[in-house]
C-alpha atoms as a PDB file:
ATOM      1  CA  MET A   1     124.451 -71.591  11.095  1.00  0.00           C
ATOM      2  CA  ARG A   2     121.060 -73.246  10.963  1.00  0.00           C
ATOM      3  CA  ARG A   3     118.085 -70.893  11.066  1.00  0.00           C
ATOM      4  CA  GLU A   4     116.715 -72.579  14.150  1.00  0.00           C
ATOM      5  CA  ASP A   5     119.963 -71.776  15.989  1.00  0.00           C
ATOM      6  CA  CYS A   6     119.702 -68.022  15.363  1.00  0.00           C
ATOM      7  CA  PRO A   7     117.792 -66.268  18.168  1.00  0.00           C
ATOM      8  CA  HIS A   8     116.997 -63.317  15.863  1.00  0.00           C
ATOM      9  CA  VAL A   9     115.286 -65.045  12.963  1.00  0.00           C
ATOM     10  CA  GLY A  10     112.069 -65.580  14.929  1.00  0.00           C
ATOM     11  CA  SER A  11     111.416 -61.828  15.061  1.00  0.00           C
ATOM     12  CA  VAL A  12     111.455 -61.279  11.284  1.00  0.00           C
ATOM     13  CA  THR A  13     108.350 -61.052   9.121  1.00  0.00           C
ATOM     14  CA  HIS A  14     109.925 -61.052   5.616  1.00  0.00           C
ATOM     15  CA  PRO A  15     108.004 -58.107   4.135  1.00  0.00           C
ATOM     16  CA  PRO A  16     108.506 -57.409   0.428  1.00  0.00           C
ATOM     17  CA  PRO A  17     111.335 -55.071  -0.598  1.00  0.00           C
ATOM     18  CA  ARG A  18     110.296 -51.408  -0.492  1.00  0.00           C
ATOM     19  CA  GLY A  19     111.994 -50.729  -3.834  1.00  0.00           C
ATOM     20  CA  ASP A  20     114.506 -51.885  -6.401  1.00  0.00           C
ATOM     21  CA  ARG A  21     117.356 -49.499  -5.460  1.00  0.00           C
ATOM     22  CA  CYS A  22     119.255 -48.663  -2.287  1.00  0.00           C
ATOM     23  CA  GLU A  23     116.996 -46.307  -0.357  1.00  0.00           C
ATOM     24  CA  THR A  24     119.983 -44.261   0.812  1.00  0.00           C
ATOM     25  CA  CYS A  25     122.223 -43.849  -2.253  1.00  0.00           C
ATOM     26  CA  GLY A  26     120.198 -45.179  -5.202  1.00  0.00           C
ATOM     27  CA  ALA A  27     122.585 -48.026  -6.096  1.00  0.00           C
ATOM     28  CA  SER A  28     120.935 -50.726  -8.172  1.00  0.00           C
ATOM     29  CA  GLY A  29     123.302 -53.675  -7.681  1.00  0.00           C
ATOM     30  CA  SER A  30     124.335 -55.947  -4.803  1.00  0.00           C
ATOM     31  CA  LEU A  31     121.224 -55.106  -2.807  1.00  0.00           C
ATOM     32  CA  ARG A  32     119.944 -56.538   0.460  1.00  0.00           C
ATOM     33  CA  VAL A  33     116.452 -56.394   1.940  1.00  0.00           C
ATOM     34  CA  CYS A  34     115.770 -56.107   5.659  1.00  0.00           C
ATOM     35  CA  ALA A  35     113.736 -59.108   6.779  1.00  0.00           C
ATOM     36  CA  THR A  36     112.023 -56.998   9.451  1.00  0.00           C
ATOM     37  CA  CYS A  37     110.832 -53.896   7.583  1.00  0.00           C
ATOM     38  CA  GLY A  38     111.641 -54.329   3.872  1.00  0.00           C
ATOM     39  CA  TYR A  39     114.286 -51.573   3.732  1.00  0.00           C
ATOM     40  CA  VAL A  40     116.528 -52.004   0.667  1.00  0.00           C
ATOM     41  CA  GLY A  41     120.202 -51.159   1.115  1.00  0.00           C
ATOM     42  CA  CYS A  42     123.425 -51.750  -0.784  1.00  0.00           C
ATOM     43  CA  CYS A  43     126.075 -54.179   0.433  1.00  0.00           C
ATOM     44  CA  GLU A  44     129.454 -53.548   2.036  1.00  0.00           C
ATOM     45  CA  SER A  45     131.271 -53.494  -1.319  1.00  0.00           C
ATOM     46  CA  GLN A  46     129.297 -50.355  -2.177  1.00  0.00           C
ATOM     47  CA  GLY A  47     127.988 -47.970   0.491  1.00  0.00           C
ATOM     48  CA  ALA A  48     127.232 -50.533   3.239  1.00  0.00           C
ATOM     49  CA  HIS A  49     123.798 -49.017   3.748  1.00  0.00           C
ATOM     50  CA  ASP A  50     122.417 -52.438   4.730  1.00  0.00           C
ATOM     51  CA  THR A  51     124.863 -52.509   7.646  1.00  0.00           C
ATOM     52  CA  GLN A  52     124.078 -48.891   8.511  1.00  0.00           C
ATOM     53  CA  HIS A  53     120.365 -49.776   8.637  1.00  0.00           C
ATOM     54  CA  TRP A  54     121.072 -52.623  11.070  1.00  0.00           C
ATOM     55  CA  ARG A  55     123.128 -50.366  13.342  1.00  0.00           C
ATOM     56  CA  GLU A  56     120.448 -47.670  13.345  1.00  0.00           C
ATOM     57  CA  THR A  57     117.392 -49.911  13.758  1.00  0.00           C
ATOM     58  CA  GLY A  58     118.622 -53.128  15.363  1.00  0.00           C
ATOM     59  CA  HIS A  59     117.052 -55.176  12.529  1.00  0.00           C
ATOM     60  CA  PRO A  60     119.668 -57.955  12.234  1.00  0.00           C
ATOM     61  CA  VAL A  61     118.466 -60.259   9.430  1.00  0.00           C
ATOM     62  CA  ILE A  62     118.782 -59.469   5.706  1.00  0.00           C
ATOM     63  CA  ARG A  63     118.309 -61.368   2.431  1.00  0.00           C
ATOM     64  CA  SER A  64     120.122 -60.812  -0.827  1.00  0.00           C
ATOM     65  CA  LEU A  65     118.194 -59.451  -3.791  1.00  0.00           C
ATOM     66  CA  PRO A  66     116.714 -60.486  -6.063  1.00  0.00           C
ATOM     67  CA  LEU A  67     114.743 -62.896  -3.905  1.00  0.00           C
ATOM     68  CA  THR A  68     115.188 -66.319  -5.485  1.00  0.00           C
ATOM     69  CA  GLU A  69     116.037 -69.836  -4.366  1.00  0.00           C
ATOM     70  CA  ARG A  70     119.681 -68.750  -4.520  1.00  0.00           C
ATOM     71  CA  SER A  71     119.252 -65.723  -2.207  1.00  0.00           C
ATOM     72  CA  PHE A  72     121.242 -65.904   0.984  1.00  0.00           C
ATOM     73  CA  THR A  73     120.120 -64.882   4.449  1.00  0.00           C
ATOM     74  CA  TRP A  74     122.545 -63.187   6.858  1.00  0.00           C
ATOM     75  CA  CYS A  75     122.251 -62.247  10.516  1.00  0.00           C
ATOM     76  CA  TYR A  76     124.403 -59.281  11.514  1.00  0.00           C
ATOM     77  CA  ALA A  77     124.003 -59.995  15.229  1.00  0.00           C
ATOM     78  CA  CYS A  78     125.209 -63.590  14.848  1.00  0.00           C
ATOM     79  CA  ASN A  79     127.698 -62.608  12.121  1.00  0.00           C
ATOM     80  CA  ASP A  80     126.749 -65.666  10.079  1.00  0.00           C
ATOM     81  CA  TYR A  81     124.779 -66.956   7.108  1.00  0.00           C
ATOM     82  CA  LEU A  82     121.521 -68.694   7.985  1.00  0.00           C
ATOM     83  CA  PHE A  83     120.861 -71.949   6.143  1.00  0.00           C
END
């Protein structure tokens, strides 16, 4: 999905990650950062704390860490990658 087609991407501010580990369980790999508040959570293959954060806060857009040109962006509400 193109970014301009996602109705949720306009509400994100892309703050820096609040840490270098999952804020819930302390995992250090396969991390995602919330594009609204900077929360760092682990992915679904670990504790799924990124998904839990979305369900609890309604913040739908995440980016994969570390933040590089190869990082992906995902919208939980649209259930799609944003390119």
